[in-house]
C-alpha cells in the first residue's frame, strides 16, 4: 500500500470535508495530559459520529471501525483504545432504529455517546474515593510508573489528612515514574523514586501496592506497563496486598494465559512492528499479570475480586 493510500485510510470522508482522525486523537492527548487514551478514543469517535453523514447504521459502524483502525496505528498504547471503542460502539447502538430516520438515529446515538462519556469521566473520581480508604495513615505505598487513577487516589487520601510515603518505580524505558514523582510532590505527598530492579529490595517494607492498568482481561488479570508482573510476583511472595485501579472502559474481551498470548501490537512500539529483526530484540511495553496475583480491583462499577470480572464483562457487552 502506498503512502497516499495510507493517508486516505486515516481520514473519514463526509460531505465535502475531511476529518483527520489521527490528528484529532493525538491533539486530545497532547492538550490534556490527564486524559487517558481510552477517553480520547471515545471523544474522537463522538466527533466522527457528529461529522459523518450516513444512510444506514451499518455504514456508520464501518466508518467507526475505520477510525478505530487509524487510532490503533498511532504511537499510543492500544489496549484501552480497543476496549473503549468496542464499549462505545456497543452502547450507542443498544437500541432499535427500525422506525427512525437517519437523522433521528444520529441524534439518539450522539445523546447516548455523550451520556456514556460523562459517566466515564466520573469513573476515576469514583475509584479514588473507594481506594483512598485503603491508604491508611503512616503506611508505605509502592506503585509502578505513572497511573492517573493511582495519582488521584493518593491525592484524595492526602486531602483527608493522612500522611504516608509513596515509592515509585522509574519505569524503563520511558521513565514515566519521574513524572509521577513530580506530580505527587506537587500534591504535597512524600515520595521516593526507585529503580525498577529495586522492587524486591523495597517490598519487605511496603504495606500496600497500588497499580493502574492499561487493560483488564476476561480472567481478571491485567495488561499494564512492563514490570507490573514482576511487582505482583514479589508482592505475592511477601504477602503484600496488590490492588489494581482501572476504569470499566478498560475491560477487554481478551483471554491471555501467558506473556506470549498478548498480541504483538499490544506489546511493542509501532516502530518495532513490521521489522522482524528489530522485533526480536524489542523491549516489550506491557506485560500480563495473572489474576492469581491480584488481591482486588477497584473500578467505577465496584470493588471486584478477579473472579468477578468475567461476570461484569458479560454485563458490559450484552
Protein backbone atom coordinates (compact mmCIF):
# COMPACT_ATOMS: atom_id res chain seq x y z
CA UNK A 1 0.00 0.00 0.00
CA UNK A 2 1.42 3.41 -0.99
CA UNK A 3 1.82 6.43 1.28
CA UNK A 4 -1.09 8.20 -0.38
CA UNK A 5 -3.40 5.24 0.25
CA UNK A 6 -2.37 5.10 3.92
CA UNK A 7 -3.14 8.80 4.33
CA UNK A 8 -6.58 8.31 2.82
CA UNK A 9 -7.23 5.44 5.22
CA UNK A 10 -6.58 7.78 8.14
CA UNK A 11 -9.43 10.07 7.10
CA UNK A 12 -13.15 9.55 7.12
CA UNK A 13 -14.77 11.44 4.26
CA UNK A 14 -18.09 13.15 4.86
CA UNK A 15 -19.81 15.58 2.55
CA UNK A 16 -17.15 17.94 1.14
CA UNK A 17 -14.87 17.91 4.16
CA UNK A 18 -12.39 15.51 5.72
CA UNK A 19 -11.84 14.61 9.35
CA UNK A 20 -8.26 13.72 10.24
CA UNK A 21 -8.86 11.09 12.91
CA UNK A 22 -5.22 10.61 13.86
CA UNK A 23 -4.63 14.35 14.24
CA UNK A 24 -7.76 14.87 16.33
CA UNK A 25 -6.97 11.88 18.58
CA UNK A 26 -3.35 12.98 19.17
CA UNK A 27 -4.46 16.56 19.81
CA UNK A 28 -6.83 15.39 22.56
CA UNK A 29 -3.98 13.64 24.37
CA UNK A 30 -1.44 16.44 23.94
CA UNK A 31 -3.92 19.12 25.04
CA UNK A 32 -4.96 17.37 28.28
CA UNK A 33 -2.26 15.27 29.97
CA UNK A 34 -4.78 13.90 32.47
CA UNK A 35 -6.76 12.30 29.63
CA UNK A 36 -6.38 8.55 29.09
CA UNK A 37 -6.09 7.02 25.63
CA UNK A 38 -9.48 5.33 26.11
CA UNK A 39 -11.30 8.60 26.85
CA UNK A 40 -9.50 10.32 23.95
CA UNK A 41 -10.66 7.48 21.67
CA UNK A 42 -14.29 7.95 22.76
CA UNK A 43 -14.08 11.72 22.20
CA UNK A 44 -12.66 11.06 18.75
CA UNK A 45 -15.45 8.61 17.90
CA UNK A 46 -18.04 11.14 19.08
CA UNK A 47 -16.51 13.67 16.70
CA UNK A 48 -16.65 11.10 13.88
CA UNK A 49 -20.30 10.37 14.69
CA UNK A 50 -21.15 14.08 14.69
CA UNK A 51 -19.34 14.88 11.43
CA UNK A 52 -20.22 11.78 9.41
CA UNK A 53 -23.31 11.57 7.20
CA UNK A 54 -24.72 8.06 6.86
CA UNK A 55 -27.80 6.33 5.50
CA UNK A 56 -27.59 3.08 7.48
CA UNK A 57 -26.31 2.05 10.90
CA UNK A 58 -24.06 -0.47 9.16
CA UNK A 59 -22.42 2.32 7.20
CA UNK A 60 -21.76 4.25 10.41
CA UNK A 61 -20.37 1.11 12.06
CA UNK A 62 -17.97 0.68 9.14
CA UNK A 63 -16.76 4.26 9.48
CA UNK A 64 -16.29 3.91 13.22
CA UNK A 65 -14.21 0.76 12.65
CA UNK A 66 -12.09 2.70 10.16
CA UNK A 67 -11.48 5.38 12.80
CA UNK A 68 -10.55 2.73 15.41
CA UNK A 69 -8.10 1.17 12.95
CA UNK A 70 -6.46 4.57 12.49
CA UNK A 71 -6.13 5.13 16.25
CA UNK A 72 -4.63 1.66 16.64
CA UNK A 73 -1.79 2.68 14.31
CA UNK A 74 -0.89 5.70 16.47
CA UNK A 75 2.04 5.71 18.90
CA UNK A 76 -0.25 5.42 21.92
CA UNK A 77 -0.96 2.16 23.84
CA UNK A 78 -3.81 0.39 22.07
CA UNK A 79 -5.20 -1.77 24.91
CA UNK A 80 -7.60 0.89 26.23
CA UNK A 81 -8.27 2.25 22.73
CA UNK A 82 -9.67 -1.11 21.60
CA UNK A 83 -11.78 -1.83 24.70
CA UNK A 84 -13.16 1.75 24.97
CA UNK A 85 -14.06 1.79 21.27
CA UNK A 86 -15.87 -1.55 21.49
CA UNK A 87 -17.87 -0.45 24.53
CA UNK A 88 -18.70 2.89 22.91
CA UNK A 89 -19.97 1.21 19.72
CA UNK A 90 -21.99 -1.25 21.79
CA UNK A 91 -23.53 1.49 23.94
CA UNK A 92 -24.63 3.86 21.16
CA UNK A 93 -26.25 1.08 19.11
CA UNK A 94 -28.04 -0.52 22.07
CA UNK A 95 -31.47 0.36 20.73
CA UNK A 96 -33.75 -0.39 17.80
CA UNK A 97 -33.61 2.07 14.92
CA UNK A 98 -36.13 0.45 12.55
CA UNK A 99 -38.76 3.18 12.91
CA UNK A 100 -36.34 6.15 12.83
CA UNK A 101 -34.80 8.25 10.09
CA UNK A 102 -31.00 8.55 9.70
CA UNK A 103 -31.06 11.99 11.36
CA UNK A 104 -33.07 10.68 14.30
CA UNK A 105 -30.68 7.74 14.67
CA UNK A 106 -27.72 10.10 14.66
CA UNK A 107 -29.30 12.38 17.28
CA UNK A 108 -30.08 9.41 19.55
CA UNK A 109 -26.58 7.95 19.15
CA UNK A 110 -24.92 11.29 19.90
CA UNK A 111 -27.01 11.63 23.06
CA UNK A 112 -26.16 8.11 24.19
CA UNK A 113 -22.47 8.67 23.37
CA UNK A 114 -22.36 11.87 25.42
CA UNK A 115 -24.06 10.15 28.37
CA UNK A 116 -21.51 7.33 28.10
CA UNK A 117 -18.60 9.79 28.04
CA UNK A 118 -19.93 11.78 31.01
CA UNK A 119 -20.24 8.60 33.05
CA UNK A 120 -16.68 7.54 32.22
CA UNK A 121 -15.25 10.98 33.02
CA UNK A 122 -16.51 10.48 36.59
CA UNK A 123 -15.01 6.98 36.85
CA UNK A 124 -11.57 7.96 38.13
CA UNK A 125 -13.06 10.01 40.97
CA UNK A 126 -15.29 7.10 42.00
CA UNK A 127 -12.29 4.76 42.07
CA UNK A 128 -10.22 7.27 44.05
CA UNK A 129 -12.88 7.62 46.77
CA UNK A 130 -13.18 3.82 47.09
CA UNK A 131 -9.49 3.05 47.22
CA UNK A 132 -8.38 6.04 49.33
CA UNK A 133 -9.96 4.31 52.34
CA UNK A 134 -7.36 1.53 51.98
CA UNK A 135 -4.49 4.03 52.24
CA UNK A 136 -4.02 4.35 56.00
CA UNK A 137 -2.19 6.99 57.99
CA UNK A 138 1.53 6.20 58.19
CA UNK A 139 1.50 3.46 55.55
CA UNK A 140 4.10 2.92 52.82
CA UNK A 141 2.76 2.56 49.29
CA UNK A 142 4.51 1.12 46.24
CA UNK A 143 3.34 2.00 42.73
CA UNK A 144 4.63 1.40 39.22
CA UNK A 145 5.32 4.08 36.61
CA UNK A 146 2.62 6.75 36.15
CA UNK A 147 -1.04 5.96 36.67
CA UNK A 148 -3.66 8.72 36.64
CA UNK A 149 -6.04 6.62 38.77
CA UNK A 150 -3.35 5.94 41.38
CA UNK A 151 -2.33 9.61 41.40
CA UNK A 152 -5.92 10.75 42.03
CA UNK A 153 -6.41 8.11 44.74
CA UNK A 154 -3.29 9.17 46.61
CA UNK A 155 -4.27 12.84 46.23
CA UNK A 156 -7.72 12.14 47.72
CA UNK A 157 -6.11 10.21 50.60
CA UNK A 158 -3.69 13.08 51.31
CA UNK A 159 -6.54 15.61 51.34
CA UNK A 160 -8.16 13.64 54.17
CA UNK A 161 -5.11 14.50 56.32
CA UNK A 162 -3.44 11.11 56.02
CA UNK A 163 0.34 11.07 55.96
CA UNK A 164 2.04 8.29 54.02
CA UNK A 165 5.09 7.67 51.85
CA UNK A 166 4.98 6.51 48.23
CA UNK A 167 7.72 4.61 46.39
CA UNK A 168 7.53 4.97 42.63
CA UNK A 169 9.46 2.86 40.10
CA UNK A 170 11.30 4.82 37.41
CA UNK A 171 9.75 2.54 34.74
CA UNK A 172 12.23 1.99 31.96
CA UNK A 173 12.46 2.75 29.07
CA UNK A 174 10.40 5.97 29.08
CA UNK A 175 10.90 6.83 32.79
CA UNK A 176 7.29 7.90 33.39
CA UNK A 177 7.84 7.27 37.10
CA UNK A 178 9.78 10.54 37.21
CA UNK A 179 6.68 12.43 36.10
CA UNK A 180 4.58 10.56 38.67
CA UNK A 181 7.00 11.56 41.42
CA UNK A 182 6.88 15.22 40.37
CA UNK A 183 3.07 15.19 40.39
CA UNK A 184 2.95 13.54 43.82
CA UNK A 185 5.33 16.15 45.25
CA UNK A 186 3.16 18.95 43.82
CA UNK A 187 0.22 17.39 45.68
CA UNK A 188 2.26 17.53 48.91
CA UNK A 189 2.81 13.77 49.10
CA UNK A 190 6.17 12.37 50.21
CA UNK A 191 7.65 10.05 47.61
CA UNK A 192 10.84 8.31 46.57
CA UNK A 193 11.82 7.34 43.03
CA UNK A 194 13.37 3.86 42.88
CA UNK A 195 14.95 1.69 40.22
CA UNK A 196 12.77 -0.98 38.63
CA UNK A 197 15.30 -3.55 39.84
CA UNK A 198 14.80 -2.41 43.46
CA UNK A 199 11.24 -3.78 43.69
CA UNK A 200 12.31 -6.91 45.60
CA UNK A 201 14.53 -4.86 47.93
CA UNK A 202 11.82 -2.37 48.89
CA UNK A 203 8.87 -4.79 49.01
CA UNK A 204 9.51 -6.08 52.55
CA UNK A 205 8.92 -2.59 53.97
CA UNK A 206 5.79 -1.89 51.89
CA UNK A 207 2.23 -2.01 53.27
CA UNK A 208 0.22 -1.95 50.01
CA UNK A 209 0.88 -1.98 46.27
CA UNK A 210 -1.29 0.20 44.02
CA UNK A 211 -1.05 -0.05 40.23
CA UNK A 212 -3.12 1.14 37.31
CA UNK A 213 -3.94 -0.96 34.25
CA UNK A 214 -4.00 -0.44 30.52
CA UNK A 215 -6.48 -3.29 30.21
CA UNK A 216 -8.43 -5.76 32.36
CA UNK A 217 -8.92 -9.12 30.63
CA UNK A 218 -11.68 -11.72 30.96
CA UNK A 219 -9.81 -13.84 33.51
CA UNK A 220 -9.49 -10.90 35.90
CA UNK A 221 -5.82 -10.44 35.07
CA UNK A 222 -4.41 -7.18 33.74
CA UNK A 223 -2.27 -5.80 30.94
CA UNK A 224 -0.08 -2.99 32.22
CA UNK A 225 3.30 -1.33 31.90
CA UNK A 226 6.11 -3.89 31.73
CA UNK A 227 7.38 -4.66 35.22
CA UNK A 228 3.90 -4.94 36.75
CA UNK A 229 4.08 -8.74 36.67
CA UNK A 230 7.43 -8.70 38.49
CA UNK A 231 5.95 -6.40 41.13
CA UNK A 232 2.93 -8.72 41.56
CA UNK A 233 5.17 -11.77 41.97
CA UNK A 234 7.19 -10.04 44.69
CA UNK A 235 4.04 -8.83 46.45
CA UNK A 236 2.57 -12.33 46.46
CA UNK A 237 5.78 -13.87 47.80
CA UNK A 238 5.96 -11.32 50.62
CA UNK A 239 2.21 -11.44 51.30
CA UNK A 240 1.52 -7.80 50.47
CA UNK A 241 -1.89 -6.73 49.10
CA UNK A 242 -1.74 -5.97 45.37
CA UNK A 243 -4.53 -3.61 44.30
CA UNK A 244 -5.41 -2.66 40.72
CA UNK A 245 -7.19 0.60 39.86
CA UNK A 246 -8.94 0.57 36.49
CA UNK A 247 -11.93 2.19 34.80
CA UNK A 248 -14.56 -0.13 33.30
CA UNK A 249 -13.76 1.22 29.82
CA UNK A 250 -10.54 -0.82 30.07
CA UNK A 251 -12.38 -4.14 30.38
CA UNK A 252 -11.29 -6.08 27.32
CA UNK A 253 -12.50 -9.28 25.64
CA UNK A 254 -9.09 -10.92 25.70
CA UNK A 255 -8.10 -14.12 27.49
CA UNK A 256 -4.29 -14.41 27.56
CA UNK A 257 -2.80 -17.30 29.53
CA UNK A 258 0.79 -16.06 29.46
CA UNK A 259 3.03 -13.33 28.04
CA UNK A 260 3.20 -14.97 24.60
CA UNK A 261 -0.59 -14.80 24.25
CA UNK A 262 -0.56 -11.00 24.16
CA UNK A 263 -0.82 -9.73 20.55
CA UNK A 264 2.37 -8.08 19.27
CA UNK A 265 0.63 -4.77 18.57
CA UNK A 266 -0.26 -4.61 22.28
CA UNK A 267 3.30 -5.36 23.40
CA UNK A 268 5.61 -3.46 21.06
CA UNK A 269 6.02 0.05 19.73
CA UNK A 270 4.83 0.86 16.21
CA UNK A 271 8.45 1.37 15.11
CA UNK A 272 9.32 -2.23 16.02
CA UNK A 273 6.28 -3.82 14.37
CA UNK A 274 6.85 -4.92 10.80
CA UNK A 275 10.61 -5.15 11.26
CA UNK A 276 11.29 -8.77 12.18
CA UNK A 277 14.92 -8.27 13.22
CA UNK A 278 14.07 -5.31 15.43
CA UNK A 279 11.04 -7.08 16.90
CA UNK A 280 13.18 -9.98 18.10
CA UNK A 281 15.25 -7.55 20.18
CA UNK A 282 12.49 -5.07 21.05
CA UNK A 283 11.69 -4.06 24.62
CA UNK A 284 8.05 -5.02 25.42
CA UNK A 285 5.97 -2.07 26.60
CA UNK A 286 3.48 -4.12 28.62
CA UNK A 287 3.18 -7.47 30.37
CA UNK A 288 0.35 -9.68 31.59
CA UNK A 289 -0.34 -10.21 35.30
CA UNK A 290 -2.38 -13.29 36.19
CA UNK A 291 -5.47 -12.90 38.44
CA UNK A 292 -3.77 -15.21 40.95
CA UNK A 293 -1.50 -12.31 41.99
CA UNK A 294 -4.21 -9.65 42.27
CA UNK A 295 -5.95 -9.02 45.60
CA UNK A 296 -8.72 -6.63 44.48
CA UNK A 297 -9.66 -4.46 41.51
CA UNK A 298 -11.07 -1.01 42.22
CA UNK A 299 -13.36 0.07 39.38
CA UNK A 300 -16.19 2.54 38.77
CA UNK A 301 -18.63 -0.40 38.78
CA UNK A 302 -17.49 -1.60 42.20
CA UNK A 303 -14.67 -3.24 44.12
CA UNK A 304 -14.17 -6.60 42.44
CA UNK A 305 -12.28 -9.80 43.05
CA UNK A 306 -10.53 -11.07 39.90
CA UNK A 307 -13.07 -13.91 39.60
CA UNK A 308 -15.93 -11.38 39.36
CA UNK A 309 -14.51 -9.63 36.29
CA UNK A 310 -15.89 -12.11 33.75
CA UNK A 311 -19.45 -11.57 35.04
CA UNK A 312 -19.06 -7.78 34.79
CA UNK A 313 -17.66 -8.11 31.28
CA UNK A 314 -20.73 -10.06 30.21
CA UNK A 315 -22.97 -7.29 31.62
CA UNK A 316 -20.97 -4.59 29.82
CA UNK A 317 -21.02 -6.28 26.41
CA UNK A 318 -24.54 -7.76 26.47
